[in-house]
């Protein structure tokens, strides 16, 4: 996320999803949550 921002990219295309199942809150408790918040 940080490298994409530094290079001026606003779209990240990944192979593996950040989210596989439902997320009830975004508190930064997991890596996926922190990545979502950063994006």
ModelCIF file with pLDDT and N, C-alpha, C, O atoms, coordinates in Angstrom:
data_MODEL
#
_entry.id   MODEL 
#
_entity.id                         1 
_entity.type                       polymer 
_entity.pdbx_number_of_molecules   1 
#
_entity_poly.entity_id                      1 
_entity_poly.type                           'polypeptide(L)' 
_entity_poly.nstd_linkage                   no 
_entity_poly.nstd_monomer                   no 
_entity_poly.pdbx_seq_one_letter_code       
;(UNK)(UNK)(UNK)(UNK)(UNK)(UNK)(UNK)(UNK)(UNK)(UNK)(UNK)(UNK)(UNK)(UNK)(UNK)(UNK)
(UNK)(UNK)(UNK)(UNK)(UNK)(UNK)(UNK)(UNK)(UNK)(UNK)(UNK)(UNK)(UNK)(UNK)(UNK)(UNK)
(UNK)(UNK)(UNK)(UNK)(UNK)(UNK)(UNK)
;
_entity_poly.pdbx_seq_one_letter_code_can   XXXXXXXXXXXXXXXXXXXXXXXXXXXXXXXXXXXXXXX 
_entity_poly.pdbx_strand_id                 A 
#
loop_
_entity_poly_seq.entity_id 
_entity_poly_seq.num 
_entity_poly_seq.mon_id 
_entity_poly_seq.hetero 
1 1  UNK n 
1 2  UNK n 
1 3  UNK n 
1 4  UNK n 
1 5  UNK n 
1 6  UNK n 
1 7  UNK n 
1 8  UNK n 
1 9  UNK n 
1 10 UNK n 
1 11 UNK n 
1 12 UNK n 
1 13 UNK n 
1 14 UNK n 
1 15 UNK n 
1 16 UNK n 
1 17 UNK n 
1 18 UNK n 
1 19 UNK n 
1 20 UNK n 
1 21 UNK n 
1 22 UNK n 
1 23 UNK n 
1 24 UNK n 
1 25 UNK n 
1 26 UNK n 
1 27 UNK n 
1 28 UNK n 
1 29 UNK n 
1 30 UNK n 
1 31 UNK n 
1 32 UNK n 
1 33 UNK n 
1 34 UNK n 
1 35 UNK n 
1 36 UNK n 
1 37 UNK n 
1 38 UNK n 
1 39 UNK n 
#
_struct_asym.id          A 
_struct_asym.entity_id   1 
#
loop_
_ma_qa_metric.id 
_ma_qa_metric.mode 
_ma_qa_metric.name 
_ma_qa_metric.software_group_id 
_ma_qa_metric.type 
1 global pLDDT . pLDDT 
2 local  pLDDT . pLDDT 
#
_ma_qa_metric_global.metric_id      1 
_ma_qa_metric_global.metric_value   89.36 
_ma_qa_metric_global.model_id       1 
_ma_qa_metric_global.ordinal_id     1 
#
loop_
_ma_qa_metric_local.label_asym_id 
_ma_qa_metric_local.label_comp_id 
_ma_qa_metric_local.label_seq_id 
_ma_qa_metric_local.metric_id 
_ma_qa_metric_local.metric_value 
_ma_qa_metric_local.model_id 
_ma_qa_metric_local.ordinal_id 
A UNK 1  2 95.00 1 1  
A UNK 2  2 94.00 1 2  
A UNK 3  2 96.00 1 3  
A UNK 4  2 96.00 1 4  
A UNK 5  2 95.00 1 5  
A UNK 6  2 96.00 1 6  
A UNK 7  2 95.00 1 7  
A UNK 8  2 95.00 1 8  
A UNK 9  2 96.00 1 9  
A UNK 10 2 96.00 1 10 
A UNK 11 2 96.00 1 11 
A UNK 12 2 96.00 1 12 
A UNK 13 2 96.00 1 13 
A UNK 14 2 95.00 1 14 
A UNK 15 2 95.00 1 15 
A UNK 16 2 93.00 1 16 
A UNK 17 2 92.00 1 17 
A UNK 18 2 88.00 1 18 
A UNK 19 2 87.00 1 19 
A UNK 20 2 80.00 1 20 
A UNK 21 2 75.00 1 21 
A UNK 22 2 77.00 1 22 
A UNK 23 2 80.00 1 23 
A UNK 24 2 80.00 1 24 
A UNK 25 2 82.00 1 25 
A UNK 26 2 85.00 1 26 
A UNK 27 2 84.00 1 27 
A UNK 28 2 82.00 1 28 
A UNK 29 2 77.00 1 29 
A UNK 30 2 79.00 1 30 
A UNK 31 2 83.00 1 31 
A UNK 32 2 85.00 1 32 
A UNK 33 2 88.00 1 33 
A UNK 34 2 90.00 1 34 
A UNK 35 2 92.00 1 35 
A UNK 36 2 93.00 1 36 
A UNK 37 2 93.00 1 37 
A UNK 38 2 94.00 1 38 
A UNK 39 2 94.00 1 39 
#
loop_
_atom_site.group_PDB 
_atom_site.id 
_atom_site.type_symbol 
_atom_site.label_atom_id 
_atom_site.label_alt_id 
_atom_site.label_comp_id 
_atom_site.label_asym_id 
_atom_site.label_entity_id 
_atom_site.label_seq_id 
_atom_site.pdbx_PDB_ins_code 
_atom_site.Cartn_x 
_atom_site.Cartn_y 
_atom_site.Cartn_z 
_atom_site.occupancy 
_atom_site.B_iso_or_equiv 
_atom_site.pdbx_formal_charge 
_atom_site.auth_seq_id 
_atom_site.auth_comp_id 
_atom_site.auth_asym_id 
_atom_site.auth_atom_id 
_atom_site.pdbx_PDB_model_num 
ATOM 1   N N  . UNK A 1 1  ? 0.840   -1.209  0.000  1.00 95.00 ? 1  UNK A N  1 
ATOM 2   C CA . UNK A 1 1  ? 0.000   0.000   0.000  1.00 95.00 ? 1  UNK A CA 1 
ATOM 3   C C  . UNK A 1 1  ? 0.870   1.252   0.000  1.00 95.00 ? 1  UNK A C  1 
ATOM 4   O O  . UNK A 1 1  ? 0.610   2.192   -0.752 1.00 95.00 ? 1  UNK A O  1 
ATOM 5   N N  . UNK A 1 2  ? 1.903   1.267   0.843  1.00 94.00 ? 2  UNK A N  1 
ATOM 6   C CA . UNK A 1 2  ? 2.770   2.434   0.937  1.00 94.00 ? 2  UNK A CA 1 
ATOM 7   C C  . UNK A 1 2  ? 3.554   2.650   -0.359 1.00 94.00 ? 2  UNK A C  1 
ATOM 8   O O  . UNK A 1 2  ? 3.704   3.787   -0.807 1.00 94.00 ? 2  UNK A O  1 
ATOM 9   N N  . UNK A 1 3  ? 4.046   1.590   -0.952 1.00 96.00 ? 3  UNK A N  1 
ATOM 10  C CA . UNK A 1 3  ? 4.783   1.734   -2.213 1.00 96.00 ? 3  UNK A CA 1 
ATOM 11  C C  . UNK A 1 3  ? 3.867   2.201   -3.339 1.00 96.00 ? 3  UNK A C  1 
ATOM 12  O O  . UNK A 1 3  ? 4.258   3.035   -4.156 1.00 96.00 ? 3  UNK A O  1 
ATOM 13  N N  . UNK A 1 4  ? 2.648   1.664   -3.383 1.00 96.00 ? 4  UNK A N  1 
ATOM 14  C CA . UNK A 1 4  ? 1.692   2.094   -4.400 1.00 96.00 ? 4  UNK A CA 1 
ATOM 15  C C  . UNK A 1 4  ? 1.391   3.582   -4.272 1.00 96.00 ? 4  UNK A C  1 
ATOM 16  O O  . UNK A 1 4  ? 1.312   4.297   -5.271 1.00 96.00 ? 4  UNK A O  1 
ATOM 17  N N  . UNK A 1 5  ? 1.224   4.044   -3.031 1.00 95.00 ? 5  UNK A N  1 
ATOM 18  C CA . UNK A 1 5  ? 0.961   5.460   -2.791 1.00 95.00 ? 5  UNK A CA 1 
ATOM 19  C C  . UNK A 1 5  ? 2.146   6.315   -3.219 1.00 95.00 ? 5  UNK A C  1 
ATOM 20  O O  . UNK A 1 5  ? 1.976   7.362   -3.845 1.00 95.00 ? 5  UNK A O  1 
ATOM 21  N N  . UNK A 1 6  ? 3.357   5.857   -2.874 1.00 96.00 ? 6  UNK A N  1 
ATOM 22  C CA . UNK A 1 6  ? 4.561   6.620   -3.222 1.00 96.00 ? 6  UNK A CA 1 
ATOM 23  C C  . UNK A 1 6  ? 4.747   6.721   -4.730 1.00 96.00 ? 6  UNK A C  1 
ATOM 24  O O  . UNK A 1 6  ? 5.297   7.707   -5.221 1.00 96.00 ? 6  UNK A O  1 
ATOM 25  N N  . UNK A 1 7  ? 4.298   5.719   -5.465 1.00 95.00 ? 7  UNK A N  1 
ATOM 26  C CA . UNK A 1 7  ? 4.432   5.711   -6.920 1.00 95.00 ? 7  UNK A CA 1 
ATOM 27  C C  . UNK A 1 7  ? 3.233   6.326   -7.622 1.00 95.00 ? 7  UNK A C  1 
ATOM 28  O O  . UNK A 1 7  ? 3.181   6.343   -8.852 1.00 95.00 ? 7  UNK A O  1 
ATOM 29  N N  . UNK A 1 8  ? 2.268   6.832   -6.860 1.00 95.00 ? 8  UNK A N  1 
ATOM 30  C CA . UNK A 1 8  ? 1.118   7.485   -7.451 1.00 95.00 ? 8  UNK A CA 1 
ATOM 31  C C  . UNK A 1 8  ? 0.079   6.543   -8.013 1.00 95.00 ? 8  UNK A C  1 
ATOM 32  O O  . UNK A 1 8  ? -0.682  6.919   -8.905 1.00 95.00 ? 8  UNK A O  1 
ATOM 33  N N  . UNK A 1 9  ? 0.034   5.325   -7.508 1.00 96.00 ? 9  UNK A N  1 
ATOM 34  C CA . UNK A 1 9  ? -0.943  4.331   -7.973 1.00 96.00 ? 9  UNK A CA 1 
ATOM 35  C C  . UNK A 1 9  ? -2.139  4.303   -7.020 1.00 96.00 ? 9  UNK A C  1 
ATOM 36  O O  . UNK A 1 9  ? -1.975  4.228   -5.802 1.00 96.00 ? 9  UNK A O  1 
ATOM 37  N N  . UNK A 1 10 ? -3.317  4.364   -7.579 1.00 96.00 ? 10 UNK A N  1 
ATOM 38  C CA . UNK A 1 10 ? -4.510  4.280   -6.739 1.00 96.00 ? 10 UNK A CA 1 
ATOM 39  C C  . UNK A 1 10 ? -5.295  2.992   -6.968 1.00 96.00 ? 10 UNK A C  1 
ATOM 40  O O  . UNK A 1 10 ? -6.437  2.871   -6.526 1.00 96.00 ? 10 UNK A O  1 
ATOM 41  N N  . UNK A 1 11 ? -4.681  2.025   -7.663 1.00 96.00 ? 11 UNK A N  1 
ATOM 42  C CA . UNK A 1 11 ? -5.284  0.712   -7.853 1.00 96.00 ? 11 UNK A CA 1 
ATOM 43  C C  . UNK A 1 11 ? -4.221  -0.359  -7.611 1.00 96.00 ? 11 UNK A C  1 
ATOM 44  O O  . UNK A 1 11 ? -3.174  -0.368  -8.258 1.00 96.00 ? 11 UNK A O  1 
ATOM 45  N N  . UNK A 1 12 ? -4.505  -1.257  -6.674 1.00 96.00 ? 12 UNK A N  1 
ATOM 46  C CA . UNK A 1 12 ? -3.654  -2.412  -6.416 1.00 96.00 ? 12 UNK A CA 1 
ATOM 47  C C  . UNK A 1 12 ? -4.387  -3.654  -6.908 1.00 96.00 ? 12 UNK A C  1 
ATOM 48  O O  . UNK A 1 12 ? -5.510  -3.926  -6.485 1.00 96.00 ? 12 UNK A O  1 
ATOM 49  N N  . UNK A 1 13 ? -3.748  -4.406  -7.800 1.00 96.00 ? 13 UNK A N  1 
ATOM 50  C CA . UNK A 1 13 ? -4.306  -5.660  -8.293 1.00 96.00 ? 13 UNK A CA 1 
ATOM 51  C C  . UNK A 1 13 ? -3.485  -6.800  -7.702 1.00 96.00 ? 13 UNK A C  1 
ATOM 52  O O  . UNK A 1 13 ? -2.318  -6.979  -8.052 1.00 96.00 ? 13 UNK A O  1 
ATOM 53  N N  . UNK A 1 14 ? -4.093  -7.561  -6.815 1.00 95.00 ? 14 UNK A N  1 
ATOM 54  C CA . UNK A 1 14 ? -3.415  -8.666  -6.142 1.00 95.00 ? 14 UNK A CA 1 
ATOM 55  C C  . UNK A 1 14 ? -3.995  -9.991  -6.611 1.00 95.00 ? 14 UNK A C  1 
ATOM 56  O O  . UNK A 1 14 ? -5.096  -10.053 -7.158 1.00 95.00 ? 14 UNK A O  1 
ATOM 57  N N  . UNK A 1 15 ? -3.222  -11.048 -6.381 1.00 95.00 ? 15 UNK A N  1 
ATOM 58  C CA . UNK A 1 15 ? -3.752  -12.382 -6.666 1.00 95.00 ? 15 UNK A CA 1 
ATOM 59  C C  . UNK A 1 15 ? -4.641  -12.837 -5.516 1.00 95.00 ? 15 UNK A C  1 
ATOM 60  O O  . UNK A 1 15 ? -5.791  -13.219 -5.732 1.00 95.00 ? 15 UNK A O  1 
ATOM 61  N N  . UNK A 1 16 ? -4.110  -12.797 -4.291 1.00 93.00 ? 16 UNK A N  1 
ATOM 62  C CA . UNK A 1 16 ? -4.869  -13.247 -3.134 1.00 93.00 ? 16 UNK A CA 1 
ATOM 63  C C  . UNK A 1 16 ? -5.697  -12.099 -2.549 1.00 93.00 ? 16 UNK A C  1 
ATOM 64  O O  . UNK A 1 16 ? -5.191  -10.987 -2.403 1.00 93.00 ? 16 UNK A O  1 
ATOM 65  N N  . UNK A 1 17 ? -6.953  -12.357 -2.216 1.00 92.00 ? 17 UNK A N  1 
ATOM 66  C CA . UNK A 1 17 ? -7.795  -11.323 -1.611 1.00 92.00 ? 17 UNK A CA 1 
ATOM 67  C C  . UNK A 1 17 ? -7.329  -10.948 -0.201 1.00 92.00 ? 17 UNK A C  1 
ATOM 68  O O  . UNK A 1 17 ? -6.739  -11.762 0.509  1.00 92.00 ? 17 UNK A O  1 
ATOM 69  N N  . UNK A 1 18 ? -7.606  -9.698  0.187  1.00 88.00 ? 18 UNK A N  1 
ATOM 70  C CA . UNK A 1 18 ? -7.385  -9.300  1.575  1.00 88.00 ? 18 UNK A CA 1 
ATOM 71  C C  . UNK A 1 18 ? -8.452  -9.895  2.476  1.00 88.00 ? 18 UNK A C  1 
ATOM 72  O O  . UNK A 1 18 ? -8.184  -10.217 3.633  1.00 88.00 ? 18 UNK A O  1 
ATOM 73  N N  . UNK A 1 19 ? -9.655  -10.042 1.951  1.00 87.00 ? 19 UNK A N  1 
ATOM 74  C CA . UNK A 1 19 ? -10.816 -10.429 2.741  1.00 87.00 ? 19 UNK A CA 1 
ATOM 75  C C  . UNK A 1 19 ? -11.351 -11.758 2.228  1.00 87.00 ? 19 UNK A C  1 
ATOM 76  O O  . UNK A 1 19 ? -11.697 -11.877 1.053  1.00 87.00 ? 19 UNK A O  1 
ATOM 77  N N  . UNK A 1 20 ? -11.422 -12.757 3.103  1.00 80.00 ? 20 UNK A N  1 
ATOM 78  C CA . UNK A 1 20 ? -12.004 -14.042 2.747  1.00 80.00 ? 20 UNK A CA 1 
ATOM 79  C C  . UNK A 1 20 ? -13.357 -14.261 3.407  1.00 80.00 ? 20 UNK A C  1 
ATOM 80  O O  . UNK A 1 20 ? -14.185 -15.015 2.895  1.00 80.00 ? 20 UNK A O  1 
ATOM 81  N N  . UNK A 1 21 ? -13.583 -13.616 4.523  1.00 75.00 ? 21 UNK A N  1 
ATOM 82  C CA . UNK A 1 21 ? -14.845 -13.774 5.233  1.00 75.00 ? 21 UNK A CA 1 
ATOM 83  C C  . UNK A 1 21 ? -15.267 -12.426 5.818  1.00 75.00 ? 21 UNK A C  1 
ATOM 84  O O  . UNK A 1 21 ? -14.507 -11.458 5.794  1.00 75.00 ? 21 UNK A O  1 
ATOM 85  N N  . UNK A 1 22 ? -16.499 -12.383 6.348  1.00 77.00 ? 22 UNK A N  1 
ATOM 86  C CA . UNK A 1 22 ? -17.057 -11.137 6.821  1.00 77.00 ? 22 UNK A CA 1 
ATOM 87  C C  . UNK A 1 22 ? -16.232 -10.473 7.916  1.00 77.00 ? 22 UNK A C  1 
ATOM 88  O O  . UNK A 1 22 ? -15.714 -11.148 8.807  1.00 77.00 ? 22 UNK A O  1 
ATOM 89  N N  . UNK A 1 23 ? -16.110 -9.141  7.848  1.00 80.00 ? 23 UNK A N  1 
ATOM 90  C CA . UNK A 1 23 ? -15.421 -8.355  8.873  1.00 80.00 ? 23 UNK A CA 1 
ATOM 91  C C  . UNK A 1 23 ? -16.452 -7.467  9.563  1.00 80.00 ? 23 UNK A C  1 
ATOM 92  O O  . UNK A 1 23 ? -17.125 -6.671  8.908  1.00 80.00 ? 23 UNK A O  1 
ATOM 93  N N  . UNK A 1 24 ? -16.579 -7.604  10.894 1.00 80.00 ? 24 UNK A N  1 
ATOM 94  C CA . UNK A 1 24 ? -17.590 -6.876  11.639 1.00 80.00 ? 24 UNK A CA 1 
ATOM 95  C C  . UNK A 1 24 ? -17.109 -5.501  12.091 1.00 80.00 ? 24 UNK A C  1 
ATOM 96  O O  . UNK A 1 24 ? -17.921 -4.618  12.366 1.00 80.00 ? 24 UNK A O  1 
ATOM 97  N N  . UNK A 1 25 ? -15.804 -5.316  12.167 1.00 82.00 ? 25 UNK A N  1 
ATOM 98  C CA . UNK A 1 25 ? -15.277 -4.034  12.610 1.00 82.00 ? 25 UNK A CA 1 
ATOM 99  C C  . UNK A 1 25 ? -13.887 -3.828  12.025 1.00 82.00 ? 25 UNK A C  1 
ATOM 100 O O  . UNK A 1 25 ? -13.199 -4.784  11.667 1.00 82.00 ? 25 UNK A O  1 
ATOM 101 N N  . UNK A 1 26 ? -13.482 -2.545  11.935 1.00 85.00 ? 26 UNK A N  1 
ATOM 102 C CA . UNK A 1 26 ? -12.160 -2.185  11.445 1.00 85.00 ? 26 UNK A CA 1 
ATOM 103 C C  . UNK A 1 26 ? -11.393 -1.481  12.557 1.00 85.00 ? 26 UNK A C  1 
ATOM 104 O O  . UNK A 1 26 ? -11.437 -0.256  12.678 1.00 85.00 ? 26 UNK A O  1 
ATOM 105 N N  . UNK A 1 27 ? -10.693 -2.267  13.365 1.00 84.00 ? 27 UNK A N  1 
ATOM 106 C CA . UNK A 1 27 ? -9.961  -1.721  14.494 1.00 84.00 ? 27 UNK A CA 1 
ATOM 107 C C  . UNK A 1 27 ? -8.455  -1.837  14.331 1.00 84.00 ? 27 UNK A C  1 
ATOM 108 O O  . UNK A 1 27 ? -7.696  -1.378  15.185 1.00 84.00 ? 27 UNK A O  1 
ATOM 109 N N  . UNK A 1 28 ? -8.021  -2.454  13.231 1.00 82.00 ? 28 UNK A N  1 
ATOM 110 C CA . UNK A 1 28 ? -6.598  -2.679  13.032 1.00 82.00 ? 28 UNK A CA 1 
ATOM 111 C C  . UNK A 1 28 ? -6.050  -3.855  13.800 1.00 82.00 ? 28 UNK A C  1 
ATOM 112 O O  . UNK A 1 28 ? -4.836  -3.982  13.966 1.00 82.00 ? 28 UNK A O  1 
ATOM 113 N N  . UNK A 1 29 ? -6.942  -4.728  14.276 1.00 77.00 ? 29 UNK A N  1 
ATOM 114 C CA . UNK A 1 29 ? -6.516  -5.869  15.084 1.00 77.00 ? 29 UNK A CA 1 
ATOM 115 C C  . UNK A 1 29 ? -5.829  -6.945  14.254 1.00 77.00 ? 29 UNK A C  1 
ATOM 116 O O  . UNK A 1 29 ? -5.024  -7.712  14.783 1.00 77.00 ? 29 UNK A O  1 
ATOM 117 N N  . UNK A 1 30 ? -6.137  -7.011  12.955 1.00 79.00 ? 30 UNK A N  1 
ATOM 118 C CA . UNK A 1 30 ? -5.534  -8.009  12.080 1.00 79.00 ? 30 UNK A CA 1 
ATOM 119 C C  . UNK A 1 30 ? -4.803  -7.318  10.935 1.00 79.00 ? 30 UNK A C  1 
ATOM 120 O O  . UNK A 1 30 ? -5.008  -6.131  10.678 1.00 79.00 ? 30 UNK A O  1 
ATOM 121 N N  . UNK A 1 31 ? -3.953  -8.073  10.255 1.00 83.00 ? 31 UNK A N  1 
ATOM 122 C CA . UNK A 1 31 ? -3.230  -7.527  9.114  1.00 83.00 ? 31 UNK A CA 1 
ATOM 123 C C  . UNK A 1 31 ? -4.205  -7.068  8.032  1.00 83.00 ? 31 UNK A C  1 
ATOM 124 O O  . UNK A 1 31 ? -4.031  -6.000  7.446  1.00 83.00 ? 31 UNK A O  1 
ATOM 125 N N  . UNK A 1 32 ? -5.236  -7.883  7.770  1.00 85.00 ? 32 UNK A N  1 
ATOM 126 C CA . UNK A 1 32 ? -6.230  -7.532  6.755  1.00 85.00 ? 32 UNK A CA 1 
ATOM 127 C C  . UNK A 1 32 ? -6.918  -6.217  7.092  1.00 85.00 ? 32 UNK A C  1 
ATOM 128 O O  . UNK A 1 32 ? -7.110  -5.373  6.217  1.00 85.00 ? 32 UNK A O  1 
ATOM 129 N N  . UNK A 1 33 ? -7.293  -6.036  8.371  1.00 88.00 ? 33 UNK A N  1 
ATOM 130 C CA . UNK A 1 33 ? -7.951  -4.799  8.785  1.00 88.00 ? 33 UNK A CA 1 
ATOM 131 C C  . UNK A 1 33 ? -7.030  -3.600  8.587  1.00 88.00 ? 33 UNK A C  1 
ATOM 132 O O  . UNK A 1 33 ? -7.465  -2.550  8.114  1.00 88.00 ? 33 UNK A O  1 
ATOM 133 N N  . UNK A 1 34 ? -5.756  -3.755  8.948  1.00 90.00 ? 34 UNK A N  1 
ATOM 134 C CA . UNK A 1 34 ? -4.804  -2.641  8.808  1.00 90.00 ? 34 UNK A CA 1 
ATOM 135 C C  . UNK A 1 34 ? -4.582  -2.292  7.339  1.00 90.00 ? 34 UNK A C  1 
ATOM 136 O O  . UNK A 1 34 ? -4.430  -1.119  6.998  1.00 90.00 ? 34 UNK A O  1 
ATOM 137 N N  . UNK A 1 35 ? -4.562  -3.298  6.474  1.00 92.00 ? 35 UNK A N  1 
ATOM 138 C CA . UNK A 1 35 ? -4.395  -3.040  5.044  1.00 92.00 ? 35 UNK A CA 1 
ATOM 139 C C  . UNK A 1 35 ? -5.612  -2.325  4.462  1.00 92.00 ? 35 UNK A C  1 
ATOM 140 O O  . UNK A 1 35 ? -5.468  -1.424  3.636  1.00 92.00 ? 35 UNK A O  1 
ATOM 141 N N  . UNK A 1 36 ? -6.801  -2.721  4.890  1.00 93.00 ? 36 UNK A N  1 
ATOM 142 C CA . UNK A 1 36 ? -8.019  -2.076  4.412  1.00 93.00 ? 36 UNK A CA 1 
ATOM 143 C C  . UNK A 1 36 ? -8.049  -0.607  4.821  1.00 93.00 ? 36 UNK A C  1 
ATOM 144 O O  . UNK A 1 36 ? -8.346  0.275   4.015  1.00 93.00 ? 36 UNK A O  1 
ATOM 145 N N  . UNK A 1 37 ? -7.734  -0.367  6.096  1.00 93.00 ? 37 UNK A N  1 
ATOM 146 C CA . UNK A 1 37 ? -7.724  1.012   6.595  1.00 93.00 ? 37 UNK A CA 1 
ATOM 147 C C  . UNK A 1 37 ? -6.699  1.847   5.825  1.00 93.00 ? 37 UNK A C  1 
ATOM 148 O O  . UNK A 1 37 ? -6.983  2.984   5.450  1.00 93.00 ? 37 UNK A O  1 
ATOM 149 N N  . UNK A 1 38 ? -5.509  1.286   5.587  1.00 94.00 ? 38 UNK A N  1 
ATOM 150 C CA . UNK A 1 38 ? -4.465  2.011   4.864  1.00 94.00 ? 38 UNK A CA 1 
ATOM 151 C C  . UNK A 1 38 ? -4.890  2.313   3.433  1.00 94.00 ? 38 UNK A C  1 
ATOM 152 O O  . UNK A 1 38 ? -4.654  3.412   2.931  1.00 94.00 ? 38 UNK A O  1 
ATOM 153 N N  . UNK A 1 39 ? -5.523  1.327   2.769  1.00 94.00 ? 39 UNK A N  1 
ATOM 154 C CA . UNK A 1 39 ? -5.968  1.535   1.395  1.00 94.00 ? 39 UNK A CA 1 
ATOM 155 C C  . UNK A 1 39 ? -7.017  2.634   1.319  1.00 94.00 ? 39 UNK A C  1 
ATOM 156 O O  . UNK A 1 39 ? -7.507  2.945   0.233  1.00 94.00 ? 39 UNK A O  1 
#
